C-alpha atoms as a PDB file:
ATOM      1  CA  MET A   1      16.846  20.452  -6.524  1.00  0.00           C
ATOM      2  CA  ASN A   2      16.748  17.952  -9.400  1.00  0.00           C
ATOM      3  CA  ALA A   3      15.560  14.327  -9.187  1.00  0.00           C
ATOM      4  CA  PRO A   4      19.023  12.700  -8.741  1.00  0.00           C
ATOM      5  CA  ALA A   5      19.805  15.150  -5.934  1.00  0.00           C
ATOM      6  CA  ILE A   6      16.505  14.332  -4.206  1.00  0.00           C
ATOM      7  CA  VAL A   7      17.183  10.586  -4.465  1.00  0.00           C
ATOM      8  CA  HIS A   8      20.690  11.136  -3.061  1.00  0.00           C
ATOM      9  CA  LEU A   9      19.231  13.134  -0.167  1.00  0.00           C
ATOM     10  CA  LEU A  10      16.653  10.411   0.562  1.00  0.00           C
ATOM     11  CA  LYS A  11      19.391   7.759   0.540  1.00  0.00           C
ATOM     12  CA  THR A  12      21.508   9.903   2.857  1.00  0.00           C
ATOM     13  CA  HIS A  13      18.594  10.036   5.305  1.00  0.00           C
ATOM     14  CA  LYS A  14      17.972   6.297   4.760  1.00  0.00           C
ATOM     15  CA  LEU A  15      14.528   6.635   3.228  1.00  0.00           C
ATOM     16  CA  LEU A  16      15.856   4.279   0.561  1.00  0.00           C
ATOM     17  CA  PRO A  17      17.743   1.589   2.493  1.00  0.00           C
ATOM     18  CA  HIS A  18      19.721  -1.155   0.820  1.00  0.00           C
ATOM     19  CA  ALA A  19      18.019  -4.519   0.319  1.00  0.00           C
ATOM     20  CA  GLY A  20      19.655  -5.998   3.402  1.00  0.00           C
ATOM     21  CA  GLU A  21      18.254  -3.206   5.573  1.00  0.00           C
ATOM     22  CA  ARG A  22      14.622  -3.695   4.600  1.00  0.00           C
ATOM     23  CA  PRO A  23      12.227  -4.299   7.465  1.00  0.00           C
ATOM     24  CA  LYS A  24      10.263  -7.537   7.550  1.00  0.00           C
ATOM     25  CA  ALA A  25       6.584  -7.590   6.692  1.00  0.00           C
ATOM     26  CA  GLY A  26       4.238  -8.497   9.517  1.00  0.00           C
ATOM     27  CA  PRO A  27       1.704 -11.220   8.726  1.00  0.00           C
ATOM     28  CA  VAL A  28      -1.587  -9.635   7.697  1.00  0.00           C
ATOM     29  CA  GLY A  29      -3.420 -12.978   7.592  1.00  0.00           C
ATOM     30  CA  PRO A  30      -3.898 -13.358  11.368  1.00  0.00           C
ATOM     31  CA  ARG A  31      -5.200  -9.779  11.567  1.00  0.00           C
ATOM     32  CA  LEU A  32      -7.773 -10.476   8.870  1.00  0.00           C
ATOM     33  CA  ARG A  33      -8.808 -13.696  10.598  1.00  0.00           C
ATOM     34  CA  ARG A  34      -9.164 -11.855  13.918  1.00  0.00           C
ATOM     35  CA  LEU A  35     -11.369  -9.225  12.240  1.00  0.00           C
ATOM     36  CA  ARG A  36     -13.533 -11.960  10.703  1.00  0.00           C
ATOM     37  CA  LEU A  37     -13.973 -13.756  14.008  1.00  0.00           C
ATOM     38  CA  GLN A  38     -14.842 -10.488  15.737  1.00  0.00           C
ATOM     39  CA  ARG A  39     -17.605 -10.035  13.163  1.00  0.00           C
ATOM     40  CA  LYS A  40     -18.654 -13.667  13.728  1.00  0.00           C
ATOM     41  CA  ALA A  41     -18.579 -14.166   9.970  1.00  0.00           C
ATOM     42  CA  SER A  42     -17.726 -17.352   8.108  1.00  0.00           C
ATOM     43  CA  LEU A  43     -15.117 -17.574   5.370  1.00  0.00           C
ATOM     44  CA  SER A  44     -17.864 -18.047   2.809  1.00  0.00           C
ATOM     45  CA  GLN A  45     -19.754 -14.951   3.993  1.00  0.00           C
ATOM     46  CA  VAL A  46     -16.676 -12.735   3.732  1.00  0.00           C
ATOM     47  CA  ALA A  47     -15.599 -14.299   0.443  1.00  0.00           C
ATOM     48  CA  ARG A  48     -19.010 -13.709  -1.103  1.00  0.00           C
ATOM     49  CA  ALA A  49     -19.184 -10.100   0.141  1.00  0.00           C
ATOM     50  CA  THR A  50     -15.694  -9.233  -1.122  1.00  0.00           C
ATOM     51  CA  ASP A  51     -15.822 -11.170  -4.399  1.00  0.00           C
ATOM     52  CA  VAL A  52     -12.985 -13.610  -3.682  1.00  0.00           C
ATOM     53  CA  SER A  53     -12.972 -17.375  -3.405  1.00  0.00           C
ATOM     54  CA  VAL A  54     -13.194 -19.162  -0.058  1.00  0.00           C
ATOM     55  CA  GLY A  55      -9.955 -20.979  -0.815  1.00  0.00           C
ATOM     56  CA  PHE A  56      -8.108 -17.758  -1.595  1.00  0.00           C
ATOM     57  CA  LEU A  57      -9.391 -16.025   1.548  1.00  0.00           C
ATOM     58  CA  SER A  58      -8.443 -19.019   3.664  1.00  0.00           C
ATOM     59  CA  ALA A  59      -4.938 -19.023   2.159  1.00  0.00           C
ATOM     60  CA  VAL A  60      -4.559 -15.300   2.871  1.00  0.00           C
ATOM     61  CA  GLU A  61      -5.624 -15.758   6.494  1.00  0.00           C
ATOM     62  CA  ARG A  62      -3.055 -18.564   6.849  1.00  0.00           C
ATOM     63  CA  SER A  63      -0.371 -16.331   5.272  1.00  0.00           C
ATOM     64  CA  GLN A  64       0.034 -18.739   2.367  1.00  0.00           C
ATOM     65  CA  MET A  65      -0.938 -16.075  -0.181  1.00  0.00           C
ATOM     66  CA  THR A  66      -0.969 -12.282  -0.324  1.00  0.00           C
ATOM     67  CA  ALA A  67      -3.880 -10.123  -1.456  1.00  0.00           C
ATOM     68  CA  SER A  68      -3.586  -7.234  -3.902  1.00  0.00           C
ATOM     69  CA  VAL A  69      -4.058  -3.648  -2.789  1.00  0.00           C
ATOM     70  CA  ALA A  70      -7.529  -3.596  -4.358  1.00  0.00           C
ATOM     71  CA  THR A  71      -8.519  -6.823  -2.574  1.00  0.00           C
ATOM     72  CA  LEU A  72      -7.146  -5.584   0.754  1.00  0.00           C
ATOM     73  CA  ARG A  73      -9.190  -2.436   0.249  1.00  0.00           C
ATOM     74  CA  ARG A  74     -12.374  -4.491  -0.246  1.00  0.00           C
ATOM     75  CA  LEU A  75     -11.621  -6.605   2.824  1.00  0.00           C
ATOM     76  CA  ALA A  76     -10.881  -3.525   4.915  1.00  0.00           C
ATOM     77  CA  ARG A  77     -14.132  -1.914   3.791  1.00  0.00           C
ATOM     78  CA  PHE A  78     -16.076  -5.057   4.724  1.00  0.00           C
ATOM     79  CA  TYR A  79     -14.583  -4.954   8.234  1.00  0.00           C
ATOM     80  CA  HIS A  80     -15.156  -1.174   8.523  1.00  0.00           C
ATOM     81  CA  VAL A  81     -11.457  -0.432   8.890  1.00  0.00           C
ATOM     82  CA  ASN A  82      -8.861   0.927   6.493  1.00  0.00           C
ATOM     83  CA  ILE A  83      -5.673  -0.602   5.149  1.00  0.00           C
ATOM     84  CA  LEU A  84      -3.658   1.513   7.593  1.00  0.00           C
ATOM     85  CA  SER A  85      -5.040  -0.548  10.477  1.00  0.00           C
ATOM     86  CA  LEU A  86      -3.733  -3.737   8.822  1.00  0.00           C
ATOM     87  CA  PHE A  87      -0.191  -2.477   9.422  1.00  0.00           C
ATOM     88  CA  ASN A  88      -1.036  -2.782  13.137  1.00  0.00           C
ATOM     89  CA  PRO A  89       0.480   0.622  14.021  1.00  0.00           C
ATOM     90  CA  SER A  90       0.377   2.038  17.521  1.00  0.00           C
ATOM     91  CA  ASP A  91      -1.723   5.090  18.362  1.00  0.00           C
ATOM     92  CA  VAL A  92       1.410   6.908  19.483  1.00  0.00           C
ATOM     93  CA  ASN A  93       3.364   8.892  16.918  1.00  0.00           C
ATOM     94  CA  PRO A  94       6.927   7.547  17.197  1.00  0.00           C
ATOM     95  CA  GLY A  95       8.448  10.666  15.666  1.00  0.00           C
ATOM     96  CA  ARG A  96      11.575   9.358  14.030  1.00  0.00           C
ATOM     97  CA  VAL A  97      11.110   5.989  12.300  1.00  0.00           C
ATOM     98  CA  LYS A  98      14.252   4.111  11.312  1.00  0.00           C
ATOM     99  CA  PRO A  99      14.101   1.906   8.186  1.00  0.00           C
ATOM    100  CA  ALA A 100      14.182  -1.298  10.232  1.00  0.00           C
ATOM    101  CA  ASP A 101      11.227  -0.098  12.339  1.00  0.00           C
ATOM    102  CA  ARG A 102       8.798   0.625   9.515  1.00  0.00           C
ATOM    103  CA  LYS A 103       5.477  -1.209   9.395  1.00  0.00           C
ATOM    104  CA  VAL A 104       5.257  -3.316   6.234  1.00  0.00           C
ATOM    105  CA  LEU A 105       2.534  -5.002   4.195  1.00  0.00           C
ATOM    106  CA  GLU A 106       3.022  -7.322   1.240  1.00  0.00           C
ATOM    107  CA  ALA A 107       0.091  -6.388  -1.000  1.00  0.00           C
ATOM    108  CA  GLY A 108       0.034  -9.094  -3.639  1.00  0.00           C
ATOM    109  CA  PRO A 109       2.986 -10.523  -5.580  1.00  0.00           C
ATOM    110  CA  GLY A 110       5.634  -7.881  -6.122  1.00  0.00           C
ATOM    111  CA  VAL A 111       4.023  -5.017  -4.160  1.00  0.00           C
ATOM    112  CA  ARG A 112       5.497  -3.984  -0.839  1.00  0.00           C
ATOM    113  CA  MET A 113       4.101  -1.092   1.197  1.00  0.00           C
ATOM    114  CA  GLU A 114       6.308   0.434   3.901  1.00  0.00           C
ATOM    115  CA  LEU A 115       4.564   2.799   6.331  1.00  0.00           C
ATOM    116  CA  LEU A 116       6.900   5.722   7.014  1.00  0.00           C
ATOM    117  CA  SER A 117       5.053   7.283   9.950  1.00  0.00           C
ATOM    118  CA  TRP A 118       1.888   6.803  11.975  1.00  0.00           C
ATOM    119  CA  GLY A 119      -0.011   8.004  15.021  1.00  0.00           C
ATOM    120  CA  ASN A 120      -3.536   8.649  16.239  1.00  0.00           C
ATOM    121  CA  ALA A 121      -3.374  12.355  15.429  1.00  0.00           C
ATOM    122  CA  ALA A 122      -1.704  11.954  12.026  1.00  0.00           C
ATOM    123  CA  MET A 123      -3.449  13.743   9.163  1.00  0.00           C
ATOM    124  CA  MET A 124      -1.563  11.990   6.414  1.00  0.00           C
ATOM    125  CA  GLU A 125      -0.476   8.451   5.641  1.00  0.00           C
ATOM    126  CA  PRO A 126       2.987   8.335   4.016  1.00  0.00           C
ATOM    127  CA  HIS A 127       4.242   5.142   2.364  1.00  0.00           C
ATOM    128  CA  LEU A 128       7.180   3.926   0.376  1.00  0.00           C
ATOM    129  CA  PHE A 129       5.823   1.595  -2.321  1.00  0.00           C
ATOM    130  CA  ARG A 130       8.197  -0.963  -3.852  1.00  0.00           C
ATOM    131  CA  ILE A 131       6.644  -2.349  -7.021  1.00  0.00           C
ATOM    132  CA  ALA A 132       8.261  -5.147  -9.009  1.00  0.00           C
ATOM    133  CA  PRO A 133       8.120  -5.216 -12.824  1.00  0.00           C
ATOM    134  CA  SER A 134       4.594  -6.026 -14.092  1.00  0.00           C
ATOM    135  CA  ALA A 135       3.186  -5.916 -10.527  1.00  0.00           C
ATOM    136  CA  GLY A 136       0.338  -3.603  -9.619  1.00  0.00           C
ATOM    137  CA  SER A 137      -2.779  -2.888  -7.610  1.00  0.00           C
ATOM    138  CA  GLY A 138      -5.134  -5.278  -9.335  1.00  0.00           C
ATOM    139  CA  GLU A 139      -8.545  -3.898 -10.231  1.00  0.00           C
ATOM    140  CA  SER A 140      -9.640  -0.310  -9.683  1.00  0.00           C
ATOM    141  CA  TYR A 141     -10.405   0.940  -6.160  1.00  0.00           C
ATOM    142  CA  ALA A 142     -11.401   4.224  -4.526  1.00  0.00           C
ATOM    143  CA  HIS A 143     -11.730   5.810  -1.092  1.00  0.00           C
ATOM    144  CA  ASP A 144     -12.106   9.215   0.520  1.00  0.00           C
ATOM    145  CA  GLY A 145      -9.270  11.713   0.507  1.00  0.00           C
ATOM    146  CA  GLU A 146      -6.468  12.932  -1.728  1.00  0.00           C
ATOM    147  CA  GLU A 147      -3.215  11.365  -2.900  1.00  0.00           C
ATOM    148  CA  PHE A 148       0.239  12.607  -3.820  1.00  0.00           C
ATOM    149  CA  LEU A 149       2.862  10.485  -5.567  1.00  0.00           C
ATOM    150  CA  TYR A 150       6.534  11.139  -6.247  1.00  0.00           C
ATOM    151  CA  ILE A 151       8.406   8.646  -8.406  1.00  0.00           C
ATOM    152  CA  LEU A 152      11.769   8.006  -6.779  1.00  0.00           C
ATOM    153  CA  ARG A 153      12.871   5.340  -9.225  1.00  0.00           C
ATOM    154  CA  GLY A 154      11.453   3.537 -12.236  1.00  0.00           C
ATOM    155  CA  THR A 155       8.098   3.980 -13.956  1.00  0.00           C
ATOM    156  CA  LEU A 156       4.469   3.840 -12.826  1.00  0.00           C
ATOM    157  CA  GLU A 157       1.373   3.683 -14.983  1.00  0.00           C
ATOM    158  CA  ILE A 158      -1.771   4.902 -13.222  1.00  0.00           C
ATOM    159  CA  VAL A 159      -5.238   4.823 -14.786  1.00  0.00           C
ATOM    160  CA  LEU A 160      -8.147   6.851 -13.404  1.00  0.00           C
ATOM    161  CA  ASP A 161     -11.781   5.936 -13.969  1.00  0.00           C
ATOM    162  CA  GLY A 162     -12.904   7.180 -17.337  1.00  0.00           C
ATOM    163  CA  GLY A 163      -9.749   5.899 -19.000  1.00  0.00           C
ATOM    164  CA  GLU A 164      -7.435   8.787 -18.075  1.00  0.00           C
ATOM    165  CA  LYS A 165      -3.976   7.173 -18.196  1.00  0.00           C
ATOM    166  CA  HIS A 166      -0.715   8.626 -16.914  1.00  0.00           C
ATOM    167  CA  ARG A 167       2.776   7.207 -17.336  1.00  0.00           C
ATOM    168  CA  LEU A 168       4.957   8.605 -14.568  1.00  0.00           C
ATOM    169  CA  GLU A 169       8.739   8.541 -14.798  1.00  0.00           C
ATOM    170  CA  GLU A 170      11.490   9.072 -12.236  1.00  0.00           C
ATOM    171  CA  GLY A 171      11.225  12.588 -10.822  1.00  0.00           C
ATOM    172  CA  ASP A 172       7.560  13.015 -11.782  1.00  0.00           C
ATOM    173  CA  SER A 173       4.922  13.883  -9.191  1.00  0.00           C
ATOM    174  CA  PHE A 174       1.172  13.354  -9.437  1.00  0.00           C
ATOM    175  CA  TYR A 175      -1.855  14.457  -7.409  1.00  0.00           C
ATOM    176  CA  PHE A 176      -5.470  13.273  -7.603  1.00  0.00           C
ATOM    177  CA  GLU A 177      -8.630  12.819  -5.557  1.00  0.00           C
ATOM    178  CA  SER A 178      -8.863   9.325  -4.073  1.00  0.00           C
ATOM    179  CA  SER A 179     -12.607   9.134  -4.713  1.00  0.00           C
ATOM    180  CA  ASN A 180     -11.732   8.829  -8.399  1.00  0.00           C
ATOM    181  CA  GLY A 181     -11.364   5.082  -8.964  1.00  0.00           C
ATOM    182  CA  HIS A 182      -7.812   4.173  -9.906  1.00  0.00           C
ATOM    183  CA  HIS A 183      -5.510   1.257 -10.598  1.00  0.00           C
ATOM    184  CA  TRP A 184      -1.816   1.151 -11.311  1.00  0.00           C
ATOM    185  CA  LYS A 185       1.113  -1.047 -12.282  1.00  0.00           C
ATOM    186  CA  ASN A 186       4.826  -1.004 -12.979  1.00  0.00           C
ATOM    187  CA  PRO A 187       5.185  -1.292 -16.768  1.00  0.00           C
ATOM    188  CA  GLY A 188       8.974  -1.219 -16.640  1.00  0.00           C
ATOM    189  CA  LYS A 189      11.729  -3.802 -16.321  1.00  0.00           C
ATOM    190  CA  LYS A 190      13.098  -2.706 -12.945  1.00  0.00           C
ATOM    191  CA  GLU A 191      11.653  -2.091  -9.493  1.00  0.00           C
ATOM    192  CA  THR A 192       9.680   1.114  -9.090  1.00  0.00           C
ATOM    193  CA  LEU A 193       9.897   3.100  -5.855  1.00  0.00           C
ATOM    194  CA  VAL A 194       7.153   5.598  -5.056  1.00  0.00           C
ATOM    195  CA  LEU A 195       6.741   8.015  -2.174  1.00  0.00           C
ATOM    196  CA  TRP A 196       2.951   7.779  -1.828  1.00  0.00           C
ATOM    197  CA  ILE A 197       1.000   9.992   0.558  1.00  0.00           C
ATOM    198  CA  ASN A 198      -2.716   9.718   1.366  1.00  0.00           C
ATOM    199  CA  THR A 199      -4.546  12.417   3.299  1.00  0.00           C
ATOM    200  CA  PRO A 200      -6.448  12.004   5.502  1.00  0.00           C
ATOM    201  CA  PRO A 201      -5.554   8.386   6.441  1.00  0.00           C
ATOM    202  CA  THR A 202      -8.592   6.753   4.808  1.00  0.00           C
ATOM    203  CA  PHE A 203      -6.768   4.348   2.490  1.00  0.00           C
END
């Protein structure tokens, strides 16, 4: 099956909904604030430990700004959770997940992460990433596990620690170990859509 046929199949099964069908992102700020209060930490303590400014962290907690994937990863690590928990998923695997029921995170300007499935016993963490032109992860980050990417639409540039750079086009797939630091961006002029799977769910 070629790339256009795969995209058509995904659209048929509503993995790629139209813009009007997109689920709304839940506010991550209150969840981060709740985690901070549970740790009995001040804004300045968390900001210093995660290398962000107090003002920025405060704005994120009040949902006035969004944090990049790399920054969310640092915050999650500080709170001893992973980014998956910031989606606020239930422990129960829902089985079928309709587009409107996906869990969503806005991870910095122009990066939208849609969680495609979840559950306490899940061994993988599948996302649909929507990445606007010039948007990306921010600085390099790493975590345990392995990752698989399939470019549904557009272009993605991913750079692994050591300078290994890959330019992925529509229809390309890519696999790497998550412990290898990596950062990425959309170098193109249109939105990039990526089926992105982490296993196990340590992201």
